[in-house]
N, C-alpha and C. Protein backbone atom coordinates (compact mmCIF):
# COMPACT_ATOMS: atom_id res chain seq x y z
N THR A 1 -1.28 12.21 -17.01
CA THR A 1 -0.42 10.78 -17.89
C THR A 1 -0.16 9.86 -16.94
N VAL A 2 1.01 8.66 -16.75
CA VAL A 2 0.95 7.59 -16.40
C VAL A 2 2.47 8.02 -15.49
N ALA A 3 3.23 8.41 -16.00
CA ALA A 3 4.60 9.37 -15.32
C ALA A 3 4.13 10.57 -14.05
N SER A 4 3.36 10.97 -14.40
CA SER A 4 2.77 11.72 -12.72
C SER A 4 2.00 11.44 -12.22
N LEU A 5 1.09 10.12 -12.28
CA LEU A 5 0.85 9.25 -11.32
C LEU A 5 1.70 8.34 -10.70
N LEU A 6 2.56 8.32 -11.49
CA LEU A 6 3.44 7.01 -11.15
C LEU A 6 4.68 8.12 -9.82
N ALA A 7 4.60 9.29 -10.49
CA ALA A 7 5.88 10.07 -9.28
C ALA A 7 4.76 9.95 -8.17
N GLN A 8 3.77 10.46 -8.35
CA GLN A 8 2.85 10.82 -7.15
C GLN A 8 3.01 9.48 -6.04
N GLN A 9 2.62 8.65 -6.48
CA GLN A 9 2.83 7.22 -5.82
C GLN A 9 4.02 6.91 -4.81
N LYS A 10 5.35 7.31 -6.03
CA LYS A 10 6.59 7.62 -5.23
C LYS A 10 6.73 8.38 -4.05
N ILE A 11 6.00 9.86 -4.68
CA ILE A 11 5.99 10.82 -3.49
C ILE A 11 5.74 10.42 -1.97
N ALA A 12 4.25 9.86 -2.27
CA ALA A 12 3.62 9.53 -1.09
C ALA A 12 4.77 7.92 -0.51
N GLN A 13 4.86 7.01 -1.11
CA GLN A 13 6.03 6.32 -0.30
C GLN A 13 6.83 6.57 0.54
N LEU A 14 7.82 7.93 -0.33
CA LEU A 14 8.39 8.90 0.90
C LEU A 14 7.66 9.33 1.68
N TYR A 15 7.00 9.76 2.04
CA TYR A 15 5.73 10.59 2.98
C TYR A 15 5.97 10.12 4.20
N THR A 16 6.04 8.59 3.87
CA THR A 16 5.04 8.14 4.87
C THR A 16 6.66 7.28 5.34
N SER A 17 7.35 6.87 4.88
CA SER A 17 8.28 6.29 5.40
C SER A 17 9.78 7.18 6.46
N GLY A 18 10.22 6.28 7.08
CA GLY A 18 10.74 7.03 8.30
C GLY A 18 11.95 8.13 7.88
N PHE A 19 12.10 9.39 8.23
CA PHE A 19 13.12 10.58 7.58
C PHE A 19 14.46 9.90 7.56
N ASP A 20 14.65 9.06 8.32
CA ASP A 20 16.10 8.05 8.01
C ASP A 20 16.02 7.05 6.68
N ASP A 21 15.65 6.80 6.36
CA ASP A 21 14.89 6.36 5.30
C ASP A 21 14.98 6.64 3.79
N VAL A 22 14.80 7.67 3.54
CA VAL A 22 14.95 8.53 2.67
C VAL A 22 16.17 8.93 2.46
N HIS A 23 16.38 8.39 1.01
CA HIS A 23 17.94 8.71 0.31
C HIS A 23 18.24 8.10 -1.00
N SER A 24 19.12 8.79 -1.78
CA SER A 24 19.11 8.81 -3.02
C SER A 24 19.04 7.19 -3.31
N GLU A 25 18.18 6.82 -4.43
CA GLU A 25 18.23 5.02 -4.95
C GLU A 25 17.31 5.40 -6.25
N GLN A 26 17.23 3.84 -6.65
CA GLN A 26 16.72 4.38 -8.32
C GLN A 26 16.19 2.66 -8.35
N GLY A 27 15.38 2.75 -9.29
CA GLY A 27 14.61 1.41 -9.60
C GLY A 27 13.72 1.76 -10.90
N ASP A 28 12.48 0.32 -10.62
CA ASP A 28 11.55 0.01 -11.78
C ASP A 28 10.76 0.32 -10.92
N PHE A 29 9.46 0.26 -11.60
CA PHE A 29 8.35 0.61 -10.97
C PHE A 29 7.48 -0.91 -11.44
N GLU A 30 6.73 -1.33 -10.44
CA GLU A 30 6.30 -3.17 -10.76
C GLU A 30 4.99 -3.33 -11.39
N GLY A 31 4.32 -4.04 -11.75
CA GLY A 31 3.25 -4.72 -12.08
C GLY A 31 3.47 -4.34 -13.59
N GLU A 32 2.27 -3.40 -14.13
CA GLU A 32 2.46 -3.33 -15.64
C GLU A 32 2.66 -1.84 -15.78
N PHE A 33 4.00 -1.31 -15.29
CA PHE A 33 4.20 -0.15 -15.55
C PHE A 33 6.16 -0.50 -14.95
N THR A 34 6.27 -1.84 -15.29
CA THR A 34 7.74 -2.34 -15.65
C THR A 34 8.87 -1.40 -16.49
N ASP A 35 8.20 -0.68 -17.32
CA ASP A 35 8.44 -0.24 -18.34
C ASP A 35 9.40 1.15 -17.73
N PHE A 36 8.72 1.63 -16.63
CA PHE A 36 8.92 3.08 -16.25
C PHE A 36 10.06 3.02 -14.95
N HIS A 37 11.47 3.87 -15.26
CA HIS A 37 12.11 3.81 -14.18
C HIS A 37 12.01 5.49 -13.26
N TRP A 38 12.56 4.93 -12.11
CA TRP A 38 12.37 6.33 -11.29
C TRP A 38 13.98 6.54 -10.24
N GLN A 39 14.26 7.14 -10.15
CA GLN A 39 15.43 8.19 -9.41
C GLN A 39 15.44 8.99 -8.24
N THR A 40 15.66 8.92 -7.15
CA THR A 40 15.60 9.98 -6.45
C THR A 40 17.19 10.31 -6.07
N GLU A 41 17.25 11.89 -5.73
CA GLU A 41 18.90 12.34 -5.41
C GLU A 41 18.12 13.43 -4.14
N VAL A 42 18.91 13.02 -2.94
CA VAL A 42 18.36 13.19 -1.98
C VAL A 42 19.46 14.13 -1.31
N GLU A 43 19.46 15.61 -0.80
CA GLU A 43 20.04 16.71 -0.48
C GLU A 43 19.79 17.26 1.05
N ASP A 44 20.53 17.23 2.03
CA ASP A 44 20.03 17.61 3.53
C ASP A 44 20.46 19.06 3.30
N LEU A 45 19.50 19.77 3.99
CA LEU A 45 19.03 20.89 3.98
C LEU A 45 19.46 21.86 5.36
N SER A 46 20.43 22.88 4.98
CA SER A 46 21.11 23.37 6.24
C SER A 46 20.12 24.41 6.71
N GLU A 47 20.92 25.41 7.70
CA GLU A 47 20.43 26.94 8.19
C GLU A 47 20.63 27.59 6.95
N ASP A 48 22.44 27.35 6.04
CA ASP A 48 22.68 28.25 5.00
C ASP A 48 21.64 28.25 3.95
N ASP A 49 21.25 27.14 3.88
CA ASP A 49 20.25 26.83 2.52
C ASP A 49 19.06 27.02 2.72
N THR A 50 18.20 26.83 4.06
CA THR A 50 16.94 27.61 4.12
C THR A 50 16.74 28.90 5.54
N GLY A 51 17.70 29.16 5.69
CA GLY A 51 17.30 30.79 6.86
C GLY A 51 16.93 30.33 8.05
N ILE A 52 16.42 28.70 8.77
CA ILE A 52 16.01 28.45 9.31
C ILE A 52 16.64 28.08 10.16
N PRO A 53 16.86 29.08 11.67
CA PRO A 53 18.00 28.00 12.66
C PRO A 53 17.88 27.05 13.01
N GLY A 54 18.65 25.94 13.16
CA GLY A 54 18.22 24.54 13.56
C GLY A 54 17.96 23.63 12.62
N ALA A 55 17.76 24.13 11.17
CA ALA A 55 17.31 23.68 10.49
C ALA A 55 18.16 22.06 9.64
N GLU A 56 19.46 21.93 10.46
CA GLU A 56 20.29 20.84 9.86
C GLU A 56 19.21 19.79 10.64
N ASP A 57 19.55 18.36 9.42
CA ASP A 57 19.10 17.30 10.15
C ASP A 57 17.11 17.28 10.20
N LEU A 58 16.81 18.11 9.90
CA LEU A 58 15.03 17.99 10.14
C LEU A 58 14.88 18.67 8.87
N LEU A 59 15.08 18.64 7.29
CA LEU A 59 14.85 18.74 6.31
C LEU A 59 15.84 18.06 4.97
N LYS A 60 15.08 17.68 4.32
CA LYS A 60 15.88 17.09 2.85
C LYS A 60 15.14 17.09 1.59
N VAL A 61 15.91 17.74 0.82
CA VAL A 61 15.09 18.04 -0.33
C VAL A 61 15.22 16.53 -1.06
N VAL A 62 14.04 16.35 -2.28
CA VAL A 62 14.62 15.04 -2.43
C VAL A 62 13.51 15.30 -4.36
N SER A 63 14.83 14.93 -4.84
CA SER A 63 14.58 15.26 -6.54
C SER A 63 14.07 13.76 -7.24
N LEU A 64 12.99 13.73 -7.69
CA LEU A 64 12.63 12.81 -8.23
C LEU A 64 12.15 12.76 -9.39
N THR A 65 12.92 11.93 -10.45
CA THR A 65 12.50 11.42 -11.88
C THR A 65 11.77 10.47 -12.16
N VAL A 66 11.24 10.59 -13.19
CA VAL A 66 10.53 9.45 -13.65
C VAL A 66 10.70 9.36 -15.49
N SER A 67 10.81 7.99 -15.90
CA SER A 67 11.26 7.83 -17.16
C SER A 67 10.49 6.70 -17.48
N ARG A 68 10.87 7.08 -18.84
CA ARG A 68 10.28 5.57 -19.44
C ARG A 68 11.21 5.24 -20.65
N GLY A 69 12.02 3.54 -20.46
CA GLY A 69 12.56 3.04 -21.02
C GLY A 69 13.61 3.87 -21.18
N ASP A 70 14.35 4.09 -22.63
CA ASP A 70 15.07 4.93 -23.23
C ASP A 70 15.00 5.89 -23.95
N ASP A 71 13.48 6.40 -23.95
CA ASP A 71 12.95 7.57 -24.75
C ASP A 71 13.62 9.09 -23.78
N ASP A 72 14.09 9.78 -24.17
CA ASP A 72 14.98 10.79 -23.26
C ASP A 72 13.84 12.20 -23.36
N ASP A 73 12.68 11.76 -24.24
CA ASP A 73 11.72 12.69 -24.41
C ASP A 73 10.16 12.40 -23.46
N MET A 74 10.34 11.34 -22.95
CA MET A 74 9.33 10.70 -21.77
C MET A 74 9.71 11.07 -20.15
N VAL A 75 10.70 12.05 -19.63
CA VAL A 75 11.09 12.47 -18.41
C VAL A 75 9.98 13.50 -17.46
N LEU A 76 9.73 12.98 -16.49
CA LEU A 76 9.42 14.00 -15.36
C LEU A 76 9.99 14.41 -14.26
N GLN A 77 10.48 15.47 -13.65
CA GLN A 77 11.03 15.68 -12.61
C GLN A 77 10.52 16.47 -11.65
N VAL A 78 10.47 16.31 -10.36
CA VAL A 78 9.87 16.77 -9.61
C VAL A 78 10.59 16.69 -8.34
N LYS A 79 10.13 17.88 -7.53
CA LYS A 79 10.90 18.16 -5.88
C LYS A 79 10.18 18.16 -5.24
N THR A 80 10.51 18.22 -3.78
CA THR A 80 9.83 18.26 -2.85
C THR A 80 10.54 18.27 -1.39
N VAL A 81 10.08 18.83 -0.53
CA VAL A 81 10.75 18.76 0.83
C VAL A 81 10.42 17.72 2.00
N VAL A 82 11.22 16.96 2.66
CA VAL A 82 10.36 16.04 3.15
C VAL A 82 11.08 16.82 4.95
N MET A 83 10.33 16.91 5.81
CA MET A 83 10.59 17.64 6.95
C MET A 83 10.64 15.78 8.07
N LYS A 84 11.87 16.01 9.22
CA LYS A 84 11.31 15.13 10.15
C LYS A 84 10.61 15.47 11.01
N LYS A 85 10.13 14.34 11.54
CA LYS A 85 8.79 14.28 12.77
C LYS A 85 9.59 15.08 13.74
N ILE A 86 9.02 16.16 14.76
CA ILE A 86 9.88 15.96 15.64
C ILE A 86 8.90 15.73 16.80
N GLU A 87 9.76 15.28 17.79
CA GLU A 87 8.76 14.53 18.84
C GLU A 87 8.43 15.24 19.91
N ASP A 88 7.34 15.67 20.81
CA ASP A 88 7.41 16.26 21.78
C ASP A 88 7.82 15.99 23.06
N LYS A 89 8.53 15.99 23.55
CA LYS A 89 9.61 15.73 24.98
C LYS A 89 8.71 16.34 26.35
N GLN A 90 7.22 15.88 26.56
CA GLN A 90 6.65 16.41 27.39
C GLN A 90 6.57 15.26 28.66
């Protein structure tokens, strides 16, 4: 569906943006898809959330919602995890 393709596009944008630029926001898609709206909710994941020592400031969970107009039946929700790039300090 159109909503799933738009969600894939938005997720790809999130992965290519810098880790520190991933935050909660919302907007409308452009071009021929202006009737579709997107919203991201971002939460940092901690060691308590993941069981991974030192996970603080390394992982974020992103909840993406894509909707069309005011139609509550036309909603797609996707969750993904974004990881901060670990720099090699050699």
